[in-house]
């Protein structure tokens, strides 16, 4: 981690501001792709098209961690970027579920399956903020 932070410190600040979001999100997508490939390889028989609650919750947790951590570490101001990314990730995770619950009555019985996914994403974002804080020291 020290080598990465030294490399980032030598990078011009304007370049870090230009690259923090695309590079951070790309790294998050790569990590999520590896996790999904791991799920596909670990599943017995043919891979399901619709993942279960456990798989969705694990994906949400890892997405929460990586979407907060990677852009914040690349940016010149990690702590404010981490907080903003946590807020955006949480809103983008909760928003569709709230819209579905308000707009579609038949989705209301599915709330117990949605709660673990949202909670795992928020906990992952909190872990990402903690790791950003640790990376600053």
N, C-alpha and C. Protein backbone atom coordinates (compact mmCIF):
# COMPACT_ATOMS: atom_id res chain seq x y z
N UNK A 1 0.82 -1.19 0.00
CA UNK A 1 0.00 0.00 0.00
C UNK A 1 0.87 1.25 0.00
N UNK A 2 2.00 1.19 0.67
CA UNK A 2 2.90 2.35 0.72
C UNK A 2 3.41 2.72 -0.67
N UNK A 3 3.73 1.70 -1.49
CA UNK A 3 4.22 1.97 -2.84
C UNK A 3 3.16 2.65 -3.69
N UNK A 4 1.91 2.22 -3.53
CA UNK A 4 0.81 2.83 -4.27
C UNK A 4 0.61 4.27 -3.84
N UNK A 5 0.65 4.53 -2.54
CA UNK A 5 0.46 5.90 -2.08
C UNK A 5 1.61 6.81 -2.50
N UNK A 6 2.83 6.27 -2.53
CA UNK A 6 3.97 7.07 -3.03
C UNK A 6 3.80 7.40 -4.50
N UNK A 7 3.34 6.42 -5.28
CA UNK A 7 3.10 6.65 -6.70
C UNK A 7 2.02 7.70 -6.90
N UNK A 8 0.94 7.61 -6.13
CA UNK A 8 -0.14 8.58 -6.25
C UNK A 8 0.29 9.97 -5.80
N UNK A 9 1.16 10.05 -4.80
CA UNK A 9 1.64 11.36 -4.35
C UNK A 9 2.50 12.05 -5.39
N UNK A 10 3.20 11.29 -6.21
CA UNK A 10 4.03 11.88 -7.27
C UNK A 10 3.21 12.29 -8.48
N UNK A 11 1.99 11.78 -8.60
CA UNK A 11 1.14 12.09 -9.74
C UNK A 11 0.63 13.53 -9.61
N UNK A 12 0.54 14.27 -10.73
CA UNK A 12 0.00 15.63 -10.66
C UNK A 12 -1.44 15.63 -10.14
N UNK A 13 -1.77 16.66 -9.37
CA UNK A 13 -3.08 16.71 -8.73
C UNK A 13 -4.21 16.78 -9.74
N UNK A 14 -4.05 17.50 -10.84
CA UNK A 14 -5.12 17.60 -11.83
C UNK A 14 -5.41 16.24 -12.46
N UNK A 15 -4.35 15.41 -12.61
CA UNK A 15 -4.54 14.09 -13.19
C UNK A 15 -5.28 13.17 -12.22
N UNK A 16 -4.98 13.31 -10.94
CA UNK A 16 -5.69 12.52 -9.95
C UNK A 16 -7.16 12.89 -9.89
N UNK A 17 -7.47 14.19 -10.01
CA UNK A 17 -8.87 14.61 -10.01
C UNK A 17 -9.58 14.11 -11.26
N UNK A 18 -8.84 14.05 -12.38
CA UNK A 18 -9.46 13.59 -13.62
C UNK A 18 -9.70 12.08 -13.63
N UNK A 19 -8.85 11.34 -12.93
CA UNK A 19 -8.90 9.88 -13.00
C UNK A 19 -9.58 9.19 -11.82
N UNK A 20 -9.85 9.91 -10.73
CA UNK A 20 -10.29 9.19 -9.53
C UNK A 20 -11.60 8.45 -9.73
N UNK A 21 -12.57 9.06 -10.41
CA UNK A 21 -13.85 8.38 -10.57
C UNK A 21 -13.81 7.26 -11.61
N UNK A 22 -13.28 7.49 -12.84
CA UNK A 22 -13.28 6.38 -13.79
C UNK A 22 -12.39 5.21 -13.37
N UNK A 23 -11.23 5.51 -12.83
CA UNK A 23 -10.33 4.44 -12.41
C UNK A 23 -10.89 3.70 -11.20
N UNK A 24 -11.45 4.45 -10.24
CA UNK A 24 -12.03 3.81 -9.06
C UNK A 24 -13.21 2.93 -9.38
N UNK A 25 -14.11 3.41 -10.24
CA UNK A 25 -15.27 2.60 -10.61
C UNK A 25 -14.84 1.40 -11.46
N UNK A 26 -13.85 1.59 -12.34
CA UNK A 26 -13.37 0.47 -13.15
C UNK A 26 -12.76 -0.61 -12.26
N UNK A 27 -12.00 -0.22 -11.26
CA UNK A 27 -11.44 -1.21 -10.33
C UNK A 27 -12.55 -1.93 -9.58
N UNK A 28 -13.60 -1.21 -9.20
CA UNK A 28 -14.73 -1.82 -8.52
C UNK A 28 -15.42 -2.84 -9.41
N UNK A 29 -15.61 -2.48 -10.68
CA UNK A 29 -16.26 -3.40 -11.62
C UNK A 29 -15.42 -4.65 -11.83
N UNK A 30 -14.10 -4.49 -11.90
CA UNK A 30 -13.21 -5.65 -12.06
C UNK A 30 -13.31 -6.59 -10.87
N UNK A 31 -13.28 -6.02 -9.66
CA UNK A 31 -13.38 -6.86 -8.45
C UNK A 31 -14.73 -7.57 -8.41
N UNK A 32 -15.81 -6.86 -8.73
CA UNK A 32 -17.13 -7.50 -8.75
C UNK A 32 -17.22 -8.59 -9.82
N UNK A 33 -16.57 -8.38 -10.94
CA UNK A 33 -16.53 -9.41 -11.98
C UNK A 33 -15.82 -10.66 -11.51
N UNK A 34 -14.72 -10.48 -10.77
CA UNK A 34 -14.00 -11.62 -10.23
C UNK A 34 -14.85 -12.37 -9.21
N UNK A 35 -15.56 -11.62 -8.36
CA UNK A 35 -16.44 -12.26 -7.37
C UNK A 35 -17.57 -13.02 -8.05
N UNK A 36 -18.18 -12.42 -9.07
CA UNK A 36 -19.25 -13.11 -9.80
C UNK A 36 -18.72 -14.36 -10.52
N UNK A 37 -17.51 -14.27 -11.05
CA UNK A 37 -16.91 -15.45 -11.68
C UNK A 37 -16.67 -16.54 -10.64
N UNK A 38 -16.27 -16.15 -9.44
CA UNK A 38 -16.10 -17.11 -8.36
C UNK A 38 -17.41 -17.78 -7.99
N UNK A 39 -18.50 -16.99 -7.93
CA UNK A 39 -19.81 -17.59 -7.68
C UNK A 39 -20.19 -18.56 -8.79
N UNK A 40 -19.92 -18.18 -10.02
CA UNK A 40 -20.27 -19.05 -11.15
C UNK A 40 -19.48 -20.35 -11.10
N UNK A 41 -18.20 -20.27 -10.73
CA UNK A 41 -17.38 -21.49 -10.66
C UNK A 41 -17.75 -22.36 -9.47
N UNK A 42 -18.23 -21.75 -8.39
CA UNK A 42 -18.54 -22.51 -7.18
C UNK A 42 -19.93 -23.13 -7.20
N UNK A 43 -20.78 -22.69 -8.11
CA UNK A 43 -22.13 -23.21 -8.11
C UNK A 43 -22.16 -24.61 -8.73
N UNK A 44 -22.83 -25.53 -8.06
CA UNK A 44 -22.94 -26.87 -8.63
C UNK A 44 -23.98 -26.87 -9.75
N UNK A 45 -23.64 -27.47 -10.84
CA UNK A 45 -24.57 -27.53 -11.97
C UNK A 45 -24.57 -26.23 -12.74
N UNK A 46 -25.62 -26.00 -13.52
CA UNK A 46 -25.67 -24.78 -14.32
C UNK A 46 -25.85 -23.54 -13.44
N UNK A 47 -25.23 -22.45 -13.85
CA UNK A 47 -25.29 -21.21 -13.08
C UNK A 47 -26.67 -20.58 -13.19
N UNK A 48 -27.20 -20.14 -12.07
CA UNK A 48 -28.53 -19.52 -12.06
C UNK A 48 -28.46 -18.12 -12.68
N UNK A 49 -29.47 -17.75 -13.41
CA UNK A 49 -29.56 -16.40 -13.98
C UNK A 49 -29.95 -15.39 -12.93
N UNK A 50 -30.80 -15.79 -11.98
CA UNK A 50 -31.25 -14.90 -10.91
C UNK A 50 -30.57 -15.32 -9.62
N UNK A 51 -29.63 -14.52 -9.12
CA UNK A 51 -28.93 -14.90 -7.90
C UNK A 51 -29.85 -14.81 -6.68
N UNK A 52 -29.50 -15.55 -5.66
CA UNK A 52 -30.27 -15.55 -4.43
C UNK A 52 -29.91 -14.37 -3.54
N UNK A 53 -30.55 -14.32 -2.37
CA UNK A 53 -30.34 -13.21 -1.45
C UNK A 53 -28.91 -13.20 -0.94
N UNK A 54 -28.35 -14.35 -0.64
CA UNK A 54 -26.98 -14.41 -0.12
C UNK A 54 -25.99 -13.88 -1.14
N UNK A 55 -26.12 -14.31 -2.38
CA UNK A 55 -25.21 -13.86 -3.42
C UNK A 55 -25.38 -12.36 -3.68
N UNK A 56 -26.61 -11.87 -3.69
CA UNK A 56 -26.85 -10.44 -3.86
C UNK A 56 -26.27 -9.63 -2.70
N UNK A 57 -26.40 -10.15 -1.48
CA UNK A 57 -25.88 -9.43 -0.32
C UNK A 57 -24.35 -9.38 -0.34
N UNK A 58 -23.72 -10.47 -0.74
CA UNK A 58 -22.26 -10.48 -0.83
C UNK A 58 -21.80 -9.52 -1.92
N UNK A 59 -22.47 -9.53 -3.05
CA UNK A 59 -22.14 -8.58 -4.11
C UNK A 59 -22.33 -7.14 -3.64
N UNK A 60 -23.41 -6.87 -2.92
CA UNK A 60 -23.67 -5.51 -2.43
C UNK A 60 -22.60 -5.09 -1.43
N UNK A 61 -22.17 -6.00 -0.57
CA UNK A 61 -21.13 -5.69 0.41
C UNK A 61 -19.81 -5.34 -0.29
N UNK A 62 -19.41 -6.17 -1.22
CA UNK A 62 -18.15 -5.93 -1.92
C UNK A 62 -18.25 -4.67 -2.78
N UNK A 63 -19.40 -4.45 -3.40
CA UNK A 63 -19.59 -3.22 -4.18
C UNK A 63 -19.52 -2.00 -3.29
N UNK A 64 -20.12 -2.07 -2.10
CA UNK A 64 -20.06 -0.94 -1.17
C UNK A 64 -18.64 -0.62 -0.75
N UNK A 65 -17.86 -1.65 -0.46
CA UNK A 65 -16.47 -1.43 -0.05
C UNK A 65 -15.67 -0.83 -1.20
N UNK A 66 -15.76 -1.43 -2.37
CA UNK A 66 -14.90 -1.00 -3.47
C UNK A 66 -15.32 0.33 -4.06
N UNK A 67 -16.61 0.63 -4.08
CA UNK A 67 -17.06 1.91 -4.64
C UNK A 67 -16.71 3.08 -3.75
N UNK A 68 -16.50 2.83 -2.48
CA UNK A 68 -16.05 3.90 -1.57
C UNK A 68 -14.53 3.95 -1.53
N UNK A 69 -13.89 2.81 -1.43
CA UNK A 69 -12.44 2.76 -1.21
C UNK A 69 -11.64 3.17 -2.44
N UNK A 70 -11.89 2.59 -3.58
CA UNK A 70 -11.03 2.82 -4.74
C UNK A 70 -11.04 4.26 -5.25
N UNK A 71 -12.21 4.89 -5.46
CA UNK A 71 -12.15 6.29 -5.89
C UNK A 71 -11.52 7.20 -4.85
N UNK A 72 -11.75 6.92 -3.56
CA UNK A 72 -11.19 7.77 -2.52
C UNK A 72 -9.67 7.67 -2.45
N UNK A 73 -9.14 6.48 -2.62
CA UNK A 73 -7.68 6.31 -2.55
C UNK A 73 -7.00 6.99 -3.73
N UNK A 74 -7.62 6.97 -4.89
CA UNK A 74 -7.01 7.57 -6.07
C UNK A 74 -7.11 9.10 -6.03
N UNK A 75 -8.14 9.64 -5.39
CA UNK A 75 -8.36 11.09 -5.40
C UNK A 75 -7.35 11.81 -4.50
N UNK A 76 -7.13 13.11 -4.75
CA UNK A 76 -6.22 13.89 -3.90
C UNK A 76 -6.78 14.16 -2.51
N UNK A 77 -8.08 14.14 -2.34
CA UNK A 77 -8.70 14.38 -1.03
C UNK A 77 -9.54 13.15 -0.66
N UNK A 78 -8.91 12.13 -0.09
CA UNK A 78 -9.60 10.85 0.12
C UNK A 78 -10.82 10.90 1.04
N UNK A 79 -10.73 11.60 2.15
CA UNK A 79 -11.82 11.54 3.12
C UNK A 79 -13.12 12.16 2.58
N UNK A 80 -13.10 13.39 2.03
CA UNK A 80 -14.36 13.93 1.49
C UNK A 80 -14.90 13.11 0.31
N UNK A 81 -14.01 12.62 -0.54
CA UNK A 81 -14.46 11.79 -1.67
C UNK A 81 -15.07 10.50 -1.16
N UNK A 82 -14.48 9.89 -0.13
CA UNK A 82 -15.04 8.67 0.45
C UNK A 82 -16.43 8.88 1.02
N UNK A 83 -16.63 10.00 1.70
CA UNK A 83 -17.95 10.29 2.27
C UNK A 83 -18.98 10.52 1.16
N UNK A 84 -18.58 11.27 0.14
CA UNK A 84 -19.50 11.53 -0.98
C UNK A 84 -19.84 10.23 -1.71
N UNK A 85 -18.84 9.39 -1.95
CA UNK A 85 -19.09 8.12 -2.64
C UNK A 85 -19.97 7.20 -1.78
N UNK A 86 -19.77 7.22 -0.46
CA UNK A 86 -20.62 6.42 0.43
C UNK A 86 -22.07 6.89 0.34
N UNK A 87 -22.27 8.21 0.37
CA UNK A 87 -23.63 8.74 0.29
C UNK A 87 -24.28 8.41 -1.06
N UNK A 88 -23.54 8.58 -2.14
CA UNK A 88 -24.08 8.27 -3.47
C UNK A 88 -24.39 6.79 -3.61
N UNK A 89 -23.48 5.94 -3.15
CA UNK A 89 -23.70 4.49 -3.26
C UNK A 89 -24.91 4.07 -2.43
N UNK A 90 -25.04 4.64 -1.24
CA UNK A 90 -26.19 4.29 -0.40
C UNK A 90 -27.50 4.76 -1.03
N UNK A 91 -27.52 5.98 -1.58
CA UNK A 91 -28.74 6.47 -2.23
C UNK A 91 -29.08 5.65 -3.46
N UNK A 92 -28.07 5.30 -4.25
CA UNK A 92 -28.33 4.51 -5.45
C UNK A 92 -28.71 3.07 -5.12
N UNK A 93 -28.36 2.61 -3.95
CA UNK A 93 -28.74 1.25 -3.54
C UNK A 93 -30.15 1.24 -2.96
N UNK A 94 -30.51 2.24 -2.17
CA UNK A 94 -31.81 2.27 -1.49
C UNK A 94 -32.90 2.80 -2.41
N UNK A 95 -32.56 3.74 -3.28
CA UNK A 95 -33.56 4.40 -4.13
C UNK A 95 -34.43 3.46 -4.95
N UNK A 96 -33.86 2.54 -5.72
CA UNK A 96 -34.71 1.63 -6.51
C UNK A 96 -35.63 0.76 -5.66
N UNK A 97 -35.14 0.32 -4.49
CA UNK A 97 -35.99 -0.51 -3.64
C UNK A 97 -37.17 0.30 -3.09
N UNK A 98 -36.91 1.53 -2.67
CA UNK A 98 -37.99 2.38 -2.17
C UNK A 98 -38.99 2.67 -3.28
N UNK A 99 -38.50 2.95 -4.48
CA UNK A 99 -39.39 3.21 -5.61
C UNK A 99 -40.26 1.99 -5.91
N UNK A 100 -39.65 0.81 -5.89
CA UNK A 100 -40.43 -0.41 -6.14
C UNK A 100 -41.49 -0.62 -5.07
N UNK A 101 -41.15 -0.35 -3.81
CA UNK A 101 -42.11 -0.56 -2.74
C UNK A 101 -43.26 0.43 -2.80
N UNK A 102 -42.96 1.66 -3.19
CA UNK A 102 -44.01 2.68 -3.25
C UNK A 102 -44.87 2.49 -4.50
N UNK A 103 -44.26 2.16 -5.61
CA UNK A 103 -44.98 2.13 -6.89
C UNK A 103 -45.71 0.81 -7.17
N UNK A 104 -45.15 -0.28 -6.74
CA UNK A 104 -45.70 -1.59 -7.09
C UNK A 104 -46.12 -2.33 -5.83
N UNK A 105 -47.41 -2.53 -5.69
CA UNK A 105 -47.92 -3.16 -4.48
C UNK A 105 -47.48 -4.61 -4.35
N UNK A 106 -47.32 -5.30 -5.47
CA UNK A 106 -46.95 -6.71 -5.41
C UNK A 106 -45.51 -6.91 -4.94
N UNK A 107 -44.69 -5.84 -4.89
CA UNK A 107 -43.32 -5.96 -4.41
C UNK A 107 -43.21 -5.88 -2.89
N UNK A 108 -44.25 -5.44 -2.23
CA UNK A 108 -44.19 -5.25 -0.77
C UNK A 108 -43.94 -6.54 0.00
N UNK A 109 -44.46 -7.68 -0.43
CA UNK A 109 -44.12 -8.90 0.31
C UNK A 109 -42.65 -9.32 0.16
N UNK A 110 -41.95 -8.74 -0.78
CA UNK A 110 -40.54 -9.09 -0.99
C UNK A 110 -39.57 -8.26 -0.16
N UNK A 111 -40.07 -7.43 0.73
CA UNK A 111 -39.22 -6.58 1.57
C UNK A 111 -38.22 -7.40 2.39
N UNK A 112 -38.61 -8.52 2.99
CA UNK A 112 -37.61 -9.28 3.76
C UNK A 112 -36.41 -9.74 2.95
N UNK A 113 -36.57 -9.92 1.65
CA UNK A 113 -35.44 -10.32 0.80
C UNK A 113 -34.60 -9.12 0.40
N UNK A 114 -35.15 -7.91 0.48
CA UNK A 114 -34.41 -6.71 0.09
C UNK A 114 -33.58 -6.13 1.23
N UNK A 115 -34.03 -6.31 2.44
CA UNK A 115 -33.35 -5.71 3.60
C UNK A 115 -31.90 -6.18 3.74
N UNK A 116 -31.61 -7.49 3.64
CA UNK A 116 -30.21 -7.90 3.78
C UNK A 116 -29.31 -7.32 2.68
N UNK A 117 -29.82 -7.16 1.48
CA UNK A 117 -29.00 -6.63 0.38
C UNK A 117 -28.65 -5.17 0.66
N UNK A 118 -29.64 -4.38 1.06
CA UNK A 118 -29.39 -2.97 1.36
C UNK A 118 -28.47 -2.84 2.58
N UNK A 119 -28.74 -3.62 3.61
CA UNK A 119 -27.91 -3.55 4.82
C UNK A 119 -26.47 -3.96 4.53
N UNK A 120 -26.28 -4.99 3.73
CA UNK A 120 -24.92 -5.42 3.39
C UNK A 120 -24.19 -4.34 2.61
N UNK A 121 -24.88 -3.65 1.71
CA UNK A 121 -24.25 -2.56 0.96
C UNK A 121 -23.85 -1.41 1.85
N UNK A 122 -24.70 -1.06 2.81
CA UNK A 122 -24.38 0.04 3.72
C UNK A 122 -23.23 -0.35 4.65
N UNK A 123 -23.23 -1.57 5.14
CA UNK A 123 -22.13 -2.03 5.99
C UNK A 123 -20.82 -2.08 5.18
N UNK A 124 -20.89 -2.50 3.94
CA UNK A 124 -19.71 -2.49 3.08
C UNK A 124 -19.19 -1.08 2.86
N UNK A 125 -20.10 -0.12 2.67
CA UNK A 125 -19.68 1.27 2.53
C UNK A 125 -19.02 1.80 3.79
N UNK A 126 -19.56 1.41 4.94
CA UNK A 126 -18.93 1.82 6.22
C UNK A 126 -17.53 1.21 6.35
N UNK A 127 -17.37 -0.05 5.95
CA UNK A 127 -16.04 -0.66 5.97
C UNK A 127 -15.11 0.06 5.01
N UNK A 128 -15.62 0.46 3.84
CA UNK A 128 -14.82 1.23 2.90
C UNK A 128 -14.37 2.55 3.50
N UNK A 129 -15.26 3.24 4.22
CA UNK A 129 -14.87 4.49 4.88
C UNK A 129 -13.81 4.24 5.95
N UNK A 130 -13.96 3.15 6.69
CA UNK A 130 -12.95 2.82 7.69
C UNK A 130 -11.60 2.56 7.04
N UNK A 131 -11.60 1.84 5.92
CA UNK A 131 -10.34 1.55 5.23
C UNK A 131 -9.73 2.82 4.64
N UNK A 132 -10.56 3.75 4.17
CA UNK A 132 -10.05 5.04 3.70
C UNK A 132 -9.39 5.78 4.86
N UNK A 133 -10.02 5.76 6.01
CA UNK A 133 -9.46 6.43 7.20
C UNK A 133 -8.13 5.80 7.58
N UNK A 134 -8.06 4.47 7.51
CA UNK A 134 -6.80 3.77 7.84
C UNK A 134 -5.72 4.07 6.81
N UNK A 135 -6.10 4.25 5.54
CA UNK A 135 -5.13 4.53 4.50
C UNK A 135 -4.55 5.93 4.65
N UNK A 136 -5.27 6.83 5.31
CA UNK A 136 -4.77 8.19 5.50
C UNK A 136 -3.68 8.26 6.55
N UNK A 137 -3.64 7.30 7.46
CA UNK A 137 -2.64 7.34 8.55
C UNK A 137 -1.30 6.84 8.12
